[in-house]
């Protein structure tokens, strides 16, 4: 899954533009999936769009949805994540439809480090509490 990390890292630092303008680099993730980026804003939740774009660029299966939790239906579940595996978290509460998706980097006792989009409005590595984990997925 090093290819996944390399493609994701090629976008490192891309971020939303504050105000009325939109970053075309963020909108390209939507466009690549068939969503009209001209009708969306870079403030639209884009973690799933970014993850899909990365997987598509790598020639791997991807979701054609903008819902982070939809990644729980992609690939195979694993309890032993490796660099580049998909990680899905819940947002607000475990039963909410909201979530976050990114690519596994590493973990500590309490934290999972993820490379993803829309993390503080940009592509970067962020730490998430383990208790928010919904699942790890291997994509082949």
C-alpha atoms as a PDB file:
ATOM      1  CA  UNK A   1       0.000   0.000   0.000  1.00  0.00           C
ATOM      2  CA  UNK A   2       3.020   2.254  -0.324  1.00  0.00           C
ATOM      3  CA  UNK A   3       1.624   3.491  -3.638  1.00  0.00           C
ATOM      4  CA  UNK A   4      -1.503   4.719  -1.817  1.00  0.00           C
ATOM      5  CA  UNK A   5       0.628   6.665   0.662  1.00  0.00           C
ATOM      6  CA  UNK A   6       2.815   8.094  -2.112  1.00  0.00           C
ATOM      7  CA  UNK A   7      -0.189   9.316  -4.107  1.00  0.00           C
ATOM      8  CA  UNK A   8      -1.806  10.753  -0.965  1.00  0.00           C
ATOM      9  CA  UNK A   9       1.469  12.436   0.036  1.00  0.00           C
ATOM     10  CA  UNK A  10       1.702  14.025  -3.423  1.00  0.00           C
ATOM     11  CA  UNK A  11      -1.287  16.124  -2.307  1.00  0.00           C
ATOM     12  CA  UNK A  12       0.129  16.996   1.141  1.00  0.00           C
ATOM     13  CA  UNK A  13      -0.675  20.567   2.144  1.00  0.00           C
ATOM     14  CA  UNK A  14      -3.503  21.139  -0.333  1.00  0.00           C
ATOM     15  CA  UNK A  15      -6.169  23.060   1.544  1.00  0.00           C
ATOM     16  CA  UNK A  16      -9.415  24.914   1.270  1.00  0.00           C
ATOM     17  CA  UNK A  17      -9.371  28.587   0.359  1.00  0.00           C
ATOM     18  CA  UNK A  18     -11.158  30.781   2.865  1.00  0.00           C
ATOM     19  CA  UNK A  19     -13.909  32.925   1.403  1.00  0.00           C
ATOM     20  CA  UNK A  20     -15.793  32.783  -1.874  1.00  0.00           C
ATOM     21  CA  UNK A  21     -12.996  31.234  -3.926  1.00  0.00           C
ATOM     22  CA  UNK A  22     -12.496  27.461  -4.059  1.00  0.00           C
ATOM     23  CA  UNK A  23      -9.265  25.548  -4.434  1.00  0.00           C
ATOM     24  CA  UNK A  24      -9.420  23.768  -7.817  1.00  0.00           C
ATOM     25  CA  UNK A  25      -7.136  21.081  -6.400  1.00  0.00           C
ATOM     26  CA  UNK A  26      -9.824  20.141  -3.855  1.00  0.00           C
ATOM     27  CA  UNK A  27     -12.558  20.281  -6.494  1.00  0.00           C
ATOM     28  CA  UNK A  28     -10.600  17.886  -8.750  1.00  0.00           C
ATOM     29  CA  UNK A  29     -11.272  15.105  -6.220  1.00  0.00           C
ATOM     30  CA  UNK A  30     -15.023  15.551  -6.771  1.00  0.00           C
ATOM     31  CA  UNK A  31     -14.671  15.906 -10.554  1.00  0.00           C
ATOM     32  CA  UNK A  32     -12.637  12.690 -10.846  1.00  0.00           C
ATOM     33  CA  UNK A  33     -15.554  10.796  -9.301  1.00  0.00           C
ATOM     34  CA  UNK A  34     -18.148  12.272 -11.623  1.00  0.00           C
ATOM     35  CA  UNK A  35     -19.460  14.917  -9.246  1.00  0.00           C
ATOM     36  CA  UNK A  36     -19.635  18.419 -10.680  1.00  0.00           C
ATOM     37  CA  UNK A  37     -16.945  20.322  -8.794  1.00  0.00           C
ATOM     38  CA  UNK A  38     -18.271  23.581 -10.199  1.00  0.00           C
ATOM     39  CA  UNK A  39     -21.449  23.061  -8.155  1.00  0.00           C
ATOM     40  CA  UNK A  40     -19.592  22.077  -4.996  1.00  0.00           C
ATOM     41  CA  UNK A  41     -17.435  24.151  -2.688  1.00  0.00           C
ATOM     42  CA  UNK A  42     -14.102  23.254  -1.172  1.00  0.00           C
ATOM     43  CA  UNK A  43     -15.893  23.598   2.171  1.00  0.00           C
ATOM     44  CA  UNK A  44     -18.041  20.549   1.237  1.00  0.00           C
ATOM     45  CA  UNK A  45     -16.870  17.601   3.339  1.00  0.00           C
ATOM     46  CA  UNK A  46     -14.190  16.096   1.135  1.00  0.00           C
ATOM     47  CA  UNK A  47     -12.396  13.370   3.112  1.00  0.00           C
ATOM     48  CA  UNK A  48     -14.244  10.604   1.210  1.00  0.00           C
ATOM     49  CA  UNK A  49     -13.723  12.360  -2.100  1.00  0.00           C
ATOM     50  CA  UNK A  50      -9.983  12.567  -1.415  1.00  0.00           C
ATOM     51  CA  UNK A  51      -9.747   8.903  -0.339  1.00  0.00           C
ATOM     52  CA  UNK A  52     -11.668   7.831  -3.456  1.00  0.00           C
ATOM     53  CA  UNK A  53      -9.443   9.953  -5.685  1.00  0.00           C
ATOM     54  CA  UNK A  54      -6.289   8.376  -4.200  1.00  0.00           C
ATOM     55  CA  UNK A  55      -7.608   4.833  -4.634  1.00  0.00           C
ATOM     56  CA  UNK A  56      -8.729   5.576  -8.190  1.00  0.00           C
ATOM     57  CA  UNK A  57      -5.319   7.076  -9.049  1.00  0.00           C
ATOM     58  CA  UNK A  58      -3.743   3.829  -7.769  1.00  0.00           C
ATOM     59  CA  UNK A  59      -6.038   1.682  -9.919  1.00  0.00           C
ATOM     60  CA  UNK A  60      -7.707   0.211  -6.836  1.00  0.00           C
ATOM     61  CA  UNK A  61     -11.408  -0.289  -6.084  1.00  0.00           C
ATOM     62  CA  UNK A  62     -13.071   2.810  -4.668  1.00  0.00           C
ATOM     63  CA  UNK A  63     -16.504   4.034  -3.621  1.00  0.00           C
ATOM     64  CA  UNK A  64     -18.492   6.344  -5.854  1.00  0.00           C
ATOM     65  CA  UNK A  65     -19.989   7.967  -2.783  1.00  0.00           C
ATOM     66  CA  UNK A  66     -19.045  10.981  -0.689  1.00  0.00           C
ATOM     67  CA  UNK A  67     -19.934   9.301   2.601  1.00  0.00           C
ATOM     68  CA  UNK A  68     -16.936   8.298   4.739  1.00  0.00           C
ATOM     69  CA  UNK A  69     -18.787   5.381   6.332  1.00  0.00           C
ATOM     70  CA  UNK A  70     -19.403   3.854   2.891  1.00  0.00           C
ATOM     71  CA  UNK A  71     -15.759   2.712   3.010  1.00  0.00           C
ATOM     72  CA  UNK A  72     -16.790   0.117   5.590  1.00  0.00           C
ATOM     73  CA  UNK A  73     -18.260  -1.786   2.609  1.00  0.00           C
ATOM     74  CA  UNK A  74     -15.058  -1.623   0.545  1.00  0.00           C
ATOM     75  CA  UNK A  75     -12.256  -4.186   0.598  1.00  0.00           C
ATOM     76  CA  UNK A  76     -11.679  -6.598   3.455  1.00  0.00           C
ATOM     77  CA  UNK A  77     -11.831  -5.857   7.182  1.00  0.00           C
ATOM     78  CA  UNK A  78      -8.598  -6.248   9.129  1.00  0.00           C
ATOM     79  CA  UNK A  79      -7.528  -5.978  12.745  1.00  0.00           C
ATOM     80  CA  UNK A  80      -3.862  -5.617  11.746  1.00  0.00           C
ATOM     81  CA  UNK A  81      -3.675  -2.439   9.682  1.00  0.00           C
ATOM     82  CA  UNK A  82      -0.662  -1.695   7.530  1.00  0.00           C
ATOM     83  CA  UNK A  83       0.618   1.534   6.021  1.00  0.00           C
ATOM     84  CA  UNK A  84      -1.944   2.787   3.497  1.00  0.00           C
ATOM     85  CA  UNK A  85      -4.932   0.749   4.680  1.00  0.00           C
ATOM     86  CA  UNK A  86      -8.234   2.618   4.915  1.00  0.00           C
ATOM     87  CA  UNK A  87      -9.355   3.792   8.356  1.00  0.00           C
ATOM     88  CA  UNK A  88     -12.950   4.818   9.111  1.00  0.00           C
ATOM     89  CA  UNK A  89     -13.983   6.800  12.185  1.00  0.00           C
ATOM     90  CA  UNK A  90     -17.321   7.988  13.538  1.00  0.00           C
ATOM     91  CA  UNK A  91     -18.123  11.664  13.976  1.00  0.00           C
ATOM     92  CA  UNK A  92     -20.540  13.182  16.514  1.00  0.00           C
ATOM     93  CA  UNK A  93     -21.551   9.752  17.840  1.00  0.00           C
ATOM     94  CA  UNK A  94     -21.140   6.082  16.917  1.00  0.00           C
ATOM     95  CA  UNK A  95     -24.667   5.791  15.471  1.00  0.00           C
ATOM     96  CA  UNK A  96     -24.524   9.017  13.426  1.00  0.00           C
ATOM     97  CA  UNK A  97     -24.288   8.753   9.634  1.00  0.00           C
ATOM     98  CA  UNK A  98     -21.283  11.085   9.813  1.00  0.00           C
ATOM     99  CA  UNK A  99     -17.726   9.860   9.716  1.00  0.00           C
ATOM    100  CA  UNK A 100     -14.183  10.431   8.584  1.00  0.00           C
ATOM    101  CA  UNK A 101     -11.945   8.349   6.315  1.00  0.00           C
ATOM    102  CA  UNK A 102      -8.216   8.390   5.667  1.00  0.00           C
ATOM    103  CA  UNK A 103      -5.173   6.173   5.246  1.00  0.00           C
ATOM    104  CA  UNK A 104      -3.412   4.411   8.099  1.00  0.00           C
ATOM    105  CA  UNK A 105       0.058   5.663   8.997  1.00  0.00           C
ATOM    106  CA  UNK A 106       0.682   4.321  12.505  1.00  0.00           C
ATOM    107  CA  UNK A 107      -0.789   4.054  15.980  1.00  0.00           C
ATOM    108  CA  UNK A 108       0.083   4.407  19.628  1.00  0.00           C
ATOM    109  CA  UNK A 109      -1.777   3.173  22.695  1.00  0.00           C
ATOM    110  CA  UNK A 110      -4.534   5.806  22.394  1.00  0.00           C
ATOM    111  CA  UNK A 111      -4.139   7.353  18.928  1.00  0.00           C
ATOM    112  CA  UNK A 112      -4.379   6.375  15.259  1.00  0.00           C
ATOM    113  CA  UNK A 113      -2.418   8.556  12.835  1.00  0.00           C
ATOM    114  CA  UNK A 114      -4.113   9.017   9.484  1.00  0.00           C
ATOM    115  CA  UNK A 115      -3.102  10.696   6.229  1.00  0.00           C
ATOM    116  CA  UNK A 116      -6.220  12.159   4.722  1.00  0.00           C
ATOM    117  CA  UNK A 117      -8.062  15.043   3.178  1.00  0.00           C
ATOM    118  CA  UNK A 118     -10.215  17.578   4.991  1.00  0.00           C
ATOM    119  CA  UNK A 119      -8.211  17.190   8.178  1.00  0.00           C
ATOM    120  CA  UNK A 120      -8.243  20.737   9.544  1.00  0.00           C
ATOM    121  CA  UNK A 121      -9.348  21.677   6.002  1.00  0.00           C
ATOM    122  CA  UNK A 122      -6.260  20.251   4.323  1.00  0.00           C
ATOM    123  CA  UNK A 123      -4.384  17.115   3.301  1.00  0.00           C
ATOM    124  CA  UNK A 124      -2.185  16.200   6.244  1.00  0.00           C
ATOM    125  CA  UNK A 125      -1.460  13.586   8.894  1.00  0.00           C
ATOM    126  CA  UNK A 126      -3.665  13.864  11.966  1.00  0.00           C
ATOM    127  CA  UNK A 127      -4.130  11.841  15.147  1.00  0.00           C
ATOM    128  CA  UNK A 128      -7.560  10.461  16.059  1.00  0.00           C
ATOM    129  CA  UNK A 129      -8.609   8.810  19.314  1.00  0.00           C
ATOM    130  CA  UNK A 130      -8.818   5.029  19.014  1.00  0.00           C
ATOM    131  CA  UNK A 131     -12.248   4.901  20.615  1.00  0.00           C
ATOM    132  CA  UNK A 132     -13.632   6.618  17.479  1.00  0.00           C
ATOM    133  CA  UNK A 133     -12.503   3.774  15.198  1.00  0.00           C
ATOM    134  CA  UNK A 134     -15.208   2.024  13.188  1.00  0.00           C
ATOM    135  CA  UNK A 135     -12.854  -0.164  11.199  1.00  0.00           C
ATOM    136  CA  UNK A 136      -9.738  -0.795   9.149  1.00  0.00           C
ATOM    137  CA  UNK A 137     -10.045  -1.981   5.537  1.00  0.00           C
ATOM    138  CA  UNK A 138      -7.528  -3.587   3.183  1.00  0.00           C
ATOM    139  CA  UNK A 139      -8.115  -2.541  -0.423  1.00  0.00           C
ATOM    140  CA  UNK A 140      -6.661  -4.750  -3.167  1.00  0.00           C
END
